Structure formats: structure tokens, C-alpha cells
Protein backbone atom coordinates (compact mmCIF):
# COMPACT_ATOMS: atom_id res chain seq x y z
CA MET A 1 103.89 130.80 94.47
CA ASN A 2 103.86 131.87 98.12
CA PRO A 3 107.46 131.98 99.44
CA ASN A 4 106.32 129.93 102.47
CA THR A 5 104.95 127.18 100.22
CA ILE A 6 107.07 124.12 99.59
CA PRO A 7 107.14 122.31 96.20
CA THR A 8 104.19 120.01 95.55
CA SER A 9 106.41 116.94 95.20
CA VAL A 10 107.99 117.60 98.62
CA GLY A 11 104.57 118.05 100.18
CA LEU A 12 103.33 114.76 98.74
CA ILE A 13 106.45 112.96 99.95
CA MET A 14 105.87 114.37 103.43
CA LEU A 15 102.26 113.19 103.41
CA PHE A 16 103.24 109.74 102.15
CA THR A 17 105.84 109.54 104.92
CA ILE A 18 103.12 110.36 107.45
CA GLY A 19 100.99 107.61 105.91
CA LEU A 20 103.84 105.11 106.26
CA MET A 21 104.49 106.16 109.86
CA ALA A 22 100.79 105.65 110.65
CA LEU A 23 101.02 102.22 109.02
CA VAL A 24 103.99 101.23 111.20
CA VAL A 25 102.18 102.29 114.37
CA PHE A 26 98.93 100.61 113.32
CA ALA A 27 100.67 97.36 112.33
CA ASP A 28 102.35 97.17 115.73
CA ILE A 29 99.02 97.26 117.58
CA ARG A 30 97.81 93.74 118.37
CA LYS A 31 94.61 94.53 120.30
CA ARG A 32 91.65 94.94 117.98
CA ARG A 33 89.90 97.61 120.06
CA ILE A 34 92.99 99.82 120.24
CA ALA A 35 93.70 99.32 116.53
CA ARG A 36 90.17 100.36 115.63
CA ALA A 37 90.39 103.42 117.88
CA PHE A 38 93.68 104.44 116.26
CA GLY A 39 92.18 103.97 112.78
CA VAL A 40 89.14 106.09 113.61
CA ILE A 41 91.18 108.89 115.20
CA TYR A 42 93.66 108.89 112.32
CA GLY A 43 90.82 108.98 109.79
CA ILE A 44 89.06 111.85 111.58
CA PHE A 45 92.11 114.09 111.84
CA ALA A 46 94.33 113.21 108.85
CA GLY A 47 91.89 114.26 106.12
CA PRO A 48 90.96 117.68 107.55
CA LEU A 49 94.61 118.45 108.37
CA VAL A 50 95.62 117.78 104.76
CA ALA A 51 92.88 120.17 103.60
CA VAL A 52 93.79 122.86 106.13
CA PHE A 53 97.51 122.78 105.36
CA SER A 54 97.14 122.09 101.63
CA LYS A 55 98.52 125.48 100.57
CA SER A 56 101.53 125.19 102.88
CA LEU A 57 102.17 121.71 101.49
CA GLY A 58 102.20 123.01 97.94
CA LEU A 59 98.85 121.45 97.01
CA GLN A 60 97.36 124.10 94.77
CA SER A 61 94.53 122.25 93.01
CA VAL A 62 91.72 119.91 93.97
CA LEU A 63 93.48 117.05 92.17
CA GLU A 64 96.68 117.64 94.17
CA ILE A 65 94.69 117.66 97.42
CA VAL A 66 93.06 114.35 96.43
CA VAL A 67 96.50 112.87 95.72
CA GLY A 68 97.63 114.18 99.11
CA LEU A 69 94.72 112.43 100.81
CA LEU A 70 95.61 109.22 99.00
CA CYS A 71 99.18 109.54 100.26
CA VAL A 72 98.06 109.53 103.90
CA PHE A 73 95.34 106.89 103.58
CA VAL A 74 96.50 104.36 100.96
CA PRO A 75 99.35 102.78 103.00
CA ILE A 76 97.21 101.93 106.04
CA THR A 77 94.24 100.92 103.85
CA CYS A 78 96.34 98.54 101.75
CA TYR A 79 97.82 97.05 104.91
CA CYS A 80 94.38 96.40 106.38
CA VAL A 81 93.11 94.74 103.20
CA PHE A 82 96.13 92.59 102.39
CA HIS A 83 97.13 91.75 105.95
CA LYS A 84 93.65 90.46 106.77
CA ARG A 85 93.55 88.44 103.55
CA ASN A 86 96.99 86.93 104.11
CA LEU A 87 96.29 86.14 107.75
CA LYS A 88 92.99 84.49 106.85
CA ARG A 89 94.76 82.34 104.26
CA ALA A 90 97.38 81.39 106.85
CA VAL A 91 94.62 80.27 109.23
CA GLU A 92 92.99 78.18 106.51
CA ARG A 93 96.29 76.56 105.47
CA ALA A 94 97.64 76.04 109.00
CA PRO A 95 96.21 72.55 109.67
CA SER A 96 97.50 71.09 106.41
CA LEU A 97 100.88 72.84 106.83
CA ARG A 98 101.14 71.48 110.39
CA ASP A 99 100.41 67.97 109.15
CA TRP A 100 102.98 68.29 106.36
CA ILE A 101 105.70 69.52 108.75
CA LEU A 102 105.07 66.73 111.26
CA ARG A 103 104.89 64.10 108.53
CA ASN A 104 108.20 65.24 107.02
CA PHE A 105 109.92 66.39 110.20
CA ALA A 106 112.72 63.81 110.09
CA GLU A 107 113.58 64.74 106.50
CA LEU A 108 113.33 68.47 107.19
CA ASP A 109 115.53 68.25 110.28
CA ALA A 110 118.67 67.46 108.31
CA ASP A 111 121.08 67.62 111.26
CA GLY A 112 118.79 65.76 113.63
CA ASP A 113 118.90 68.35 116.39
CA GLY A 114 115.12 68.34 116.88
CA VAL A 115 114.63 71.81 115.36
CA ILE A 116 113.94 72.81 111.75
CA THR A 117 115.89 75.92 110.75
CA ARG A 118 115.75 78.02 107.59
CA ALA A 119 118.91 76.30 106.36
CA ASP A 120 117.24 72.90 106.90
CA ILE A 121 114.22 74.00 104.86
CA TYR A 122 116.35 75.28 101.98
CA ALA A 123 118.36 72.05 101.97
CA PHE A 124 115.16 70.00 101.90
CA ARG A 125 113.70 72.10 99.09
CA ALA A 126 116.82 71.49 97.00
CA THR A 127 116.33 67.72 97.28
CA VAL A 128 112.63 67.43 96.40
CA GLY A 129 113.16 68.30 92.74
CA ARG A 130 109.96 68.87 90.83
CA ASN A 131 107.58 67.76 93.59
CA ASP A 132 105.41 70.88 93.52
CA ALA A 133 103.47 70.10 96.71
CA ASP A 134 106.62 69.64 98.80
CA ARG A 135 108.30 72.70 97.30
CA LYS A 136 105.25 74.86 98.01
CA ASN A 137 104.92 73.62 101.57
CA ALA A 138 108.64 74.10 102.17
CA SER A 139 108.39 77.67 100.86
CA ARG A 140 105.36 78.37 103.07
CA THR A 141 107.18 76.95 106.08
CA ALA A 142 110.18 79.18 105.40
CA TYR A 143 107.90 82.21 104.93
CA GLU A 144 106.02 81.53 108.19
CA LEU A 145 109.10 80.39 110.12
CA CYS A 146 109.04 83.26 112.62
CA VAL A 147 105.34 82.66 113.30
CA ILE A 148 105.40 78.87 113.48
CA GLY A 149 108.65 78.52 115.41
CA HIS A 150 110.50 80.12 118.31
CA VAL A 151 113.78 81.97 118.82
CA ILE A 152 116.65 79.50 119.06
CA ASP A 153 119.57 81.91 118.93
CA THR A 154 120.48 85.58 118.60
CA VAL A 155 123.47 86.78 116.60
CA THR A 156 124.95 90.25 116.76
CA GLY A 157 127.00 92.19 114.28
CA PHE A 158 128.09 95.70 113.41
CA ALA A 159 126.09 97.41 110.66
CA ILE A 160 127.25 100.52 108.82
CA MET A 161 124.70 103.05 107.58
CA MET A 162 124.59 103.36 103.79
CA ASP A 163 124.31 107.15 103.90
CA GLY A 164 127.96 107.96 103.37
CA THR A 165 128.56 109.04 106.96
CA GLY A 166 130.32 105.86 108.01
CA THR A 167 128.26 105.65 111.18
CA GLY A 168 126.78 102.40 112.42
CA GLY A 169 125.92 100.31 115.42
CA VAL A 170 125.42 96.86 116.82
CA VAL A 171 122.51 94.92 115.32
CA ALA A 172 120.92 91.85 116.93
CA VAL A 173 119.14 89.31 114.73
CA ASN A 174 116.96 86.53 116.09
CA LEU A 175 117.24 83.08 114.50
CA TYR A 176 114.12 80.92 114.51
CA GLY A 177 113.50 77.19 114.48
CA ILE A 178 110.51 74.88 114.52
CA SER A 179 110.09 72.04 117.01
CA PRO A 180 107.36 69.37 116.76
CA ALA A 181 105.50 71.17 119.57
CA ASP A 182 105.66 74.44 117.59
CA ALA A 183 104.19 72.77 114.53
CA GLU A 184 101.45 71.08 116.56
CA SER A 185 100.33 74.34 118.20
CA TYR A 186 100.65 76.53 115.09
CA PRO A 187 97.01 76.31 113.86
CA ALA A 188 95.64 77.31 117.27
CA ARG A 189 98.13 80.15 117.65
CA ILE A 190 97.54 81.66 114.21
CA ALA A 191 93.77 81.40 114.72
CA GLN A 192 94.13 83.27 118.02
CA THR A 193 96.15 85.97 116.26
CA TYR A 194 93.43 86.40 113.64
CA GLU A 195 90.69 86.55 116.25
CA ALA A 196 92.60 89.09 118.34
CA GLU A 197 93.00 91.39 115.33
CA PHE A 198 89.80 90.85 113.33
CA GLY A 199 87.40 88.86 115.47
CA SER A 200 86.12 85.34 114.82
CA GLN A 201 85.79 84.24 111.21
């Protein structure tokens, strides 16, 4: 082995890390045209770069190079496939979920403050027993809480890194809640999100 060559496993981990970083950047892009441009540019350059630097990355065989290519392309590809599918399902379910939230708003809003929080949803779910429809809708509402609702509060705390160094910093966490207006506008907003990312259905 060339002394300048790193172990194959390290090279594959590096490539997978690059794939994950590309996924993070791509997922943060909300404009369809820019996202497509990023995907095309990444696709044009990532593959050839893996081939060019394959020896330095410890990829000695064709099979290892193929695995390396998978490492850089699979994360962003899986995101595109599953994110589009999940978002499309959310658009399809949004009208019925909106109707369910509005119909059960008084029961969901346990403290009567006009906003449904995650704690309210969990409390409601604990009371519906074996009613599968209500349990499923409550779970979907909790899952989509940040999309359906709005920020109602921000809490801060000190987090310590779990790397043994004892270092840390202040972390801010947004708390979300759903008002009747949020529920009413949810189908239109989620449809706009889908159209912005993937075009009209």
C-alpha cells in the first residue's frame, strides 16, 4: 500500500460524510431552481472526484470505487425520494387533518389557552383509548406540529458536549403551538411548500 494512502474504511467514511454534508445543504434549500442547480453541480463533480482521488482514499478496486460513489450519492438520493413522498402524503392528508383538529380543538386544548401544544396532544392521546382514528390523527398532529403551528415560546439551557471534554454552550429551543387559524391555513401552506420544492402535483 502507498504510504500516502489512507485505509479504505476511513476513505469510505470520509465520502459518506461528504454525502451527508451535501444532504444537509440540499435539504436547507427551499427554492426549486437553486436546489436543482445544486443537485446537478454536485452530480457532475462528485463522481469524477471520487474516481480521480480513489487511490488516495484507499479505494483499490472497482467494487470499492462503486461503494465510494454510493457513499456520496445515496444520502441525497434517499432524501429526495422519501422527502418528496412524505411531503406529498402530507399535502393529501392536510384537509382531513385540518378538519379533525378544528372539530376536536376544544378537547385538544386541555388548558383552554387557545393553543394546542405537544403536551396537550399527548394528554388527549392518553384519553382516547383504543379509538384508532383519533390516536392516528393525534400522532400526525404531533409529528407535524412545527409545520402546522407557530412558535409560542423559546426556552434556553446549557448543553454539555458528550465528547468527554466538558465543553458546552447555551442552546435555544423553540416551542410550537397550533391555533385555529394555523389549522385552517395548514393545507394551503403545505401545498405551497410542495409546489415551491417540486412544482405542482
